[in-house]
C-alpha atoms as a PDB file:
ATOM      1  CA  MET A   1     133.822  59.268  25.468  1.00  0.00           C
ATOM      2  CA  SER A   2     132.694  62.667  24.415  1.00  0.00           C
ATOM      3  CA  ARG A   3     134.166  65.902  25.670  1.00  0.00           C
ATOM      4  CA  THR A   4     131.184  66.682  27.881  1.00  0.00           C
ATOM      5  CA  GLY A   5     131.333  63.218  29.378  1.00  0.00           C
ATOM      6  CA  LEU A   6     134.995  63.751  30.272  1.00  0.00           C
ATOM      7  CA  ALA A   7     134.195  67.144  31.772  1.00  0.00           C
ATOM      8  CA  LEU A   8     131.392  65.712  33.912  1.00  0.00           C
ATOM      9  CA  ALA A   9     133.377  62.673  35.068  1.00  0.00           C
ATOM     10  CA  PRO A  10     135.160  64.477  37.945  1.00  0.00           C
ATOM     11  CA  LEU A  11     131.837  65.901  39.100  1.00  0.00           C
ATOM     12  CA  VAL A  12     130.146  62.506  39.118  1.00  0.00           C
ATOM     13  CA  VAL A  13     133.098  60.913  40.921  1.00  0.00           C
ATOM     14  CA  GLY A  14     133.017  63.667  43.542  1.00  0.00           C
ATOM     15  CA  LEU A  15     129.280  63.227  44.149  1.00  0.00           C
ATOM     16  CA  LEU A  16     129.661  59.455  44.444  1.00  0.00           C
ATOM     17  CA  ALA A  17     132.569  59.799  46.866  1.00  0.00           C
ATOM     18  CA  GLY A  18     130.540  62.213  48.991  1.00  0.00           C
ATOM     19  CA  ALA A  19     127.547  59.853  49.047  1.00  0.00           C
ATOM     20  CA  VAL A  20     129.742  56.912  50.071  1.00  0.00           C
ATOM     21  CA  ALA A  21     131.364  58.993  52.819  1.00  0.00           C
ATOM     22  CA  LEU A  22     127.978  59.995  54.203  1.00  0.00           C
ATOM     23  CA  ALA A  23     126.776  56.418  54.124  1.00  0.00           C
ATOM     24  CA  GLN A  24     129.807  55.306  56.165  1.00  0.00           C
ATOM     25  CA  THR A  25     129.468  57.838  59.008  1.00  0.00           C
ATOM     26  CA  PRO A  26     128.471  56.154  62.225  1.00  0.00           C
ATOM     27  CA  ALA A  27     124.850  56.516  63.248  1.00  0.00           C
ATOM     28  CA  PRO A  28     124.336  58.774  66.240  1.00  0.00           C
ATOM     29  CA  GLN A  29     124.077  56.775  69.420  1.00  0.00           C
ATOM     30  CA  ALA A  30     121.175  57.133  71.756  1.00  0.00           C
ATOM     31  CA  PRO A  31     122.131  59.057  74.878  1.00  0.00           C
ATOM     32  CA  ALA A  32     122.995  56.837  77.801  1.00  0.00           C
ATOM     33  CA  ALA A  33     120.168  56.471  80.242  1.00  0.00           C
ATOM     34  CA  ARG A  34     120.787  58.679  83.242  1.00  0.00           C
ATOM     35  CA  ALA A  35     119.819  57.783  86.722  1.00  0.00           C
ATOM     36  CA  PRO A  36     116.829  59.850  87.807  1.00  0.00           C
ATOM     37  CA  SER A  37     118.007  62.738  89.921  1.00  0.00           C
ATOM     38  CA  ALA A  38     116.161  64.791  92.458  1.00  0.00           C
ATOM     39  CA  PRO A  39     114.374  67.786  90.910  1.00  0.00           C
ATOM     40  CA  ALA A  40     116.136  71.104  91.242  1.00  0.00           C
ATOM     41  CA  PRO A  41     114.976  72.994  94.318  1.00  0.00           C
ATOM     42  CA  GLN A  42     112.325  75.593  93.536  1.00  0.00           C
ATOM     43  CA  THR A  43     113.224  79.031  94.796  1.00  0.00           C
ATOM     44  CA  ARG A  44     110.606  81.714  94.941  1.00  0.00           C
ATOM     45  CA  SER A  45     111.490  84.793  93.019  1.00  0.00           C
ATOM     46  CA  ARG A  46     111.409  88.012  94.969  1.00  0.00           C
ATOM     47  CA  TYR A  47     111.074  89.941  91.746  1.00  0.00           C
ATOM     48  CA  GLN A  48     108.071  92.230  91.752  1.00  0.00           C
ATOM     49  CA  PRO A  49     107.321  93.792  88.398  1.00  0.00           C
ATOM     50  CA  ASP A  50     107.195  97.562  88.321  1.00  0.00           C
ATOM     51  CA  ARG A  51     103.571  98.439  87.671  1.00  0.00           C
ATOM     52  CA  PHE A  52     104.557 101.786  86.228  1.00  0.00           C
ATOM     53  CA  ALA A  53     107.657 101.158  84.205  1.00  0.00           C
ATOM     54  CA  GLY A  54     109.018 103.788  81.900  1.00  0.00           C
ATOM     55  CA  ARG A  55     107.331 107.161  81.630  1.00  0.00           C
ATOM     56  CA  ALA A  56     104.511 106.577  84.097  1.00  0.00           C
ATOM     57  CA  GLY A  57     106.871 105.386  86.829  1.00  0.00           C
ATOM     58  CA  SER A  58     109.186 108.314  86.196  1.00  0.00           C
ATOM     59  CA  TYR A  59     106.252 110.720  86.272  1.00  0.00           C
ATOM     60  CA  TYR A  60     105.038 109.592  89.717  1.00  0.00           C
ATOM     61  CA  ARG A  61     108.590 109.560  91.104  1.00  0.00           C
ATOM     62  CA  LEU A  62     109.625 112.943  89.715  1.00  0.00           C
ATOM     63  CA  VAL A  63     106.407 114.961  89.978  1.00  0.00           C
ATOM     64  CA  TRP A  64     104.727 113.464  93.046  1.00  0.00           C
ATOM     65  CA  GLY A  65     107.655 111.850  94.883  1.00  0.00           C
ATOM     66  CA  VAL A  66     105.929 108.451  95.234  1.00  0.00           C
ATOM     67  CA  ASP A  67     106.186 104.945  93.809  1.00  0.00           C
ATOM     68  CA  SER A  68     104.807 101.439  94.451  1.00  0.00           C
ATOM     69  CA  LEU A  69     101.223 102.531  93.801  1.00  0.00           C
ATOM     70  CA  ALA A  70      98.748  99.700  94.330  1.00  0.00           C
ATOM     71  CA  VAL A  71      95.051  99.082  94.972  1.00  0.00           C
ATOM     72  CA  LYS A  72      94.145  95.926  96.892  1.00  0.00           C
ATOM     73  CA  TRP A  73      90.783  94.237  97.441  1.00  0.00           C
ATOM     74  CA  VAL A  74      90.589  93.606 101.218  1.00  0.00           C
ATOM     75  CA  GLU A  75      88.019  92.604 103.817  1.00  0.00           C
ATOM     76  CA  SER A  76      86.185  90.312 101.385  1.00  0.00           C
ATOM     77  CA  GLY A  77      85.860  93.143  98.898  1.00  0.00           C
ATOM     78  CA  GLU A  78      84.021  95.568 101.177  1.00  0.00           C
ATOM     79  CA  VAL A  79      87.111  97.788 101.253  1.00  0.00           C
ATOM     80  CA  LEU A  80      89.747  98.809  98.706  1.00  0.00           C
ATOM     81  CA  ARG A  81      93.146  99.918 100.048  1.00  0.00           C
ATOM     82  CA  PHE A  82      95.279 102.311  98.005  1.00  0.00           C
ATOM     83  CA  THR A  83      98.957 102.222  99.030  1.00  0.00           C
ATOM     84  CA  TYR A  84     102.020 104.171  97.974  1.00  0.00           C
ATOM     85  CA  ARG A  85     105.615 104.649  99.125  1.00  0.00           C
ATOM     86  CA  VAL A  86     107.061 108.121  99.647  1.00  0.00           C
ATOM     87  CA  LEU A  87     110.364 109.010  97.983  1.00  0.00           C
ATOM     88  CA  ASP A  88     110.224 112.798  98.406  1.00  0.00           C
ATOM     89  CA  PRO A  89     108.173 114.051 101.397  1.00  0.00           C
ATOM     90  CA  ASN A  90     107.858 117.590 100.003  1.00  0.00           C
ATOM     91  CA  LYS A  91     106.327 116.448  96.710  1.00  0.00           C
ATOM     92  CA  ALA A  92     104.154 113.772  98.355  1.00  0.00           C
ATOM     93  CA  SER A  93     102.672 116.111 100.969  1.00  0.00           C
ATOM     94  CA  ALA A  94      99.639 116.774  98.726  1.00  0.00           C
ATOM     95  CA  LEU A  95      98.591 113.123  99.069  1.00  0.00           C
ATOM     96  CA  ASN A  96      98.449 113.333 102.880  1.00  0.00           C
ATOM     97  CA  ASP A  97      96.819 116.773 103.029  1.00  0.00           C
ATOM     98  CA  LYS A  98      93.450 116.587 104.846  1.00  0.00           C
ATOM     99  CA  LYS A  99      92.067 119.349 102.618  1.00  0.00           C
ATOM    100  CA  ASN A 100      92.295 117.098  99.555  1.00  0.00           C
ATOM    101  CA  GLU A 101      89.405 114.615  99.487  1.00  0.00           C
ATOM    102  CA  PRO A 102      90.514 111.292  97.977  1.00  0.00           C
ATOM    103  CA  VAL A 103      88.188 109.589  95.504  1.00  0.00           C
ATOM    104  CA  LEU A 104      88.527 106.230  93.770  1.00  0.00           C
ATOM    105  CA  ILE A 105      86.781 106.204  90.384  1.00  0.00           C
ATOM    106  CA  ALA A 106      85.846 102.906  88.745  1.00  0.00           C
ATOM    107  CA  PRO A 107      84.694 103.731  85.202  1.00  0.00           C
ATOM    108  CA  GLU A 108      83.772 100.108  84.376  1.00  0.00           C
ATOM    109  CA  ALA A 109      81.450  99.882  87.393  1.00  0.00           C
ATOM    110  CA  GLY A 110      80.317 103.503  87.004  1.00  0.00           C
ATOM    111  CA  VAL A 111      81.002 104.435  90.644  1.00  0.00           C
ATOM    112  CA  LYS A 112      83.038 106.867  92.730  1.00  0.00           C
ATOM    113  CA  LEU A 113      84.190 105.463  96.058  1.00  0.00           C
ATOM    114  CA  VAL A 114      84.962 107.703  99.019  1.00  0.00           C
ATOM    115  CA  VAL A 115      86.954 107.318 102.203  1.00  0.00           C
ATOM    116  CA  PRO A 116      84.670 106.137 105.008  1.00  0.00           C
ATOM    117  CA  SER A 117      84.593 108.189 108.175  1.00  0.00           C
ATOM    118  CA  MET A 118      84.097 106.503 111.531  1.00  0.00           C
ATOM    119  CA  GLU A 119      82.631 108.247 114.566  1.00  0.00           C
ATOM    120  CA  ASN A 120      85.550 107.930 116.985  1.00  0.00           C
ATOM    121  CA  VAL A 121      88.373 107.464 114.488  1.00  0.00           C
ATOM    122  CA  GLY A 122      87.608 109.878 111.644  1.00  0.00           C
ATOM    123  CA  GLN A 123      88.561 109.237 108.035  1.00  0.00           C
ATOM    124  CA  LEU A 124      90.323 105.951 107.305  1.00  0.00           C
ATOM    125  CA  ARG A 125      93.464 107.472 105.829  1.00  0.00           C
ATOM    126  CA  GLN A 126      96.857 108.577 106.983  1.00  0.00           C
ATOM    127  CA  SER A 127      97.267 112.329 107.166  1.00  0.00           C
ATOM    128  CA  ALA A 128     100.517 112.732 109.111  1.00  0.00           C
ATOM    129  CA  PRO A 129     103.329 114.542 107.286  1.00  0.00           C
ATOM    130  CA  PRO A 130     104.960 112.011 104.932  1.00  0.00           C
ATOM    131  CA  GLU A 131     108.405 110.605 105.648  1.00  0.00           C
ATOM    132  CA  GLU A 132     110.853 109.317 103.067  1.00  0.00           C
ATOM    133  CA  GLY A 133     110.842 105.545 102.575  1.00  0.00           C
ATOM    134  CA  LYS A 134     107.579 104.920 104.432  1.00  0.00           C
ATOM    135  CA  ALA A 135     104.470 103.394 102.896  1.00  0.00           C
ATOM    136  CA  TYR A 136     101.077 105.067 103.337  1.00  0.00           C
ATOM    137  CA  TRP A 137      97.515 103.929 102.716  1.00  0.00           C
ATOM    138  CA  ILE A 138      94.008 105.209 102.127  1.00  0.00           C
ATOM    139  CA  VAL A 139      90.924 103.020 102.497  1.00  0.00           C
ATOM    140  CA  PHE A 140      87.905 103.331 100.195  1.00  0.00           C
ATOM    141  CA  SER A 141      84.490 101.865 100.972  1.00  0.00           C
ATOM    142  CA  ASN A 142      83.334  99.330  98.375  1.00  0.00           C
ATOM    143  CA  LYS A 143      79.904  98.626  99.835  1.00  0.00           C
ATOM    144  CA  GLY A 144      78.046  96.179  97.638  1.00  0.00           C
ATOM    145  CA  ARG A 145      81.343  95.025  96.114  1.00  0.00           C
ATOM    146  CA  LEU A 146      80.734  96.971  92.908  1.00  0.00           C
ATOM    147  CA  VAL A 147      84.458  97.155  92.111  1.00  0.00           C
ATOM    148  CA  LYS A 148      85.894  93.678  91.461  1.00  0.00           C
ATOM    149  CA  ARG A 149      89.427  92.289  91.337  1.00  0.00           C
ATOM    150  CA  GLY A 150      91.081  93.046  88.017  1.00  0.00           C
ATOM    151  CA  ALA A 151      89.102  96.245  87.485  1.00  0.00           C
ATOM    152  CA  HIS A 152      90.945  99.347  86.281  1.00  0.00           C
ATOM    153  CA  VAL A 153      90.484 102.298  88.631  1.00  0.00           C
ATOM    154  CA  ASN A 154      91.658 105.883  89.000  1.00  0.00           C
ATOM    155  CA  VAL A 155      92.651 107.466  92.306  1.00  0.00           C
ATOM    156  CA  VAL A 156      92.238 111.234  92.574  1.00  0.00           C
ATOM    157  CA  ILE A 157      93.570 113.241  95.547  1.00  0.00           C
ATOM    158  CA  GLY A 158      93.401 116.955  94.803  1.00  0.00           C
ATOM    159  CA  ALA A 159      95.624 117.520  91.747  1.00  0.00           C
ATOM    160  CA  PHE A 160      97.128 114.009  92.023  1.00  0.00           C
ATOM    161  CA  HIS A 161      95.709 111.502  89.520  1.00  0.00           C
ATOM    162  CA  ALA A 162      96.790 107.856  89.333  1.00  0.00           C
ATOM    163  CA  ASN A 163      94.988 106.419  86.327  1.00  0.00           C
ATOM    164  CA  GLY A 164      94.692 102.805  85.243  1.00  0.00           C
ATOM    165  CA  LEU A 165      95.540 101.078  88.512  1.00  0.00           C
ATOM    166  CA  VAL A 166      94.490  97.423  88.529  1.00  0.00           C
ATOM    167  CA  VAL A 167      92.725  96.133  91.639  1.00  0.00           C
ATOM    168  CA  ASP A 168      94.643  93.142  93.057  1.00  0.00           C
END
């Protein structure tokens, strides 16, 4: 044999031994059939995503003392209800001030919705001094159902602006 043949012999023997070893490993067995079990019970998650995570959520909490801002489509769409929860009554007092006229602006529909006023009741909004931890609401008339579910709206109450709220 030549010198190169002798030098390659250990390499060839090693490769052949490895191939034989791989060929002799037992084939993986199929998993044993399991008896069908009852499906795991479905639990409803109570997790509610924060609509204003990060900077926007911090802004409303720190500057205006409110969180949980939401706009809901109610009464078959004839009314939109804006809700919020008060964290700091002093900062949130501007939202309940009767002097500040609330307006809901829907840029996609090209409309400004106002708070309806009923003869015996007055404006459909809460104007009592805010209390910490309580939720408050303001109702906007959506006559003609111009603002649809999924629309992005802005709520303006005096200097307070909540932009980009999605109608649920």
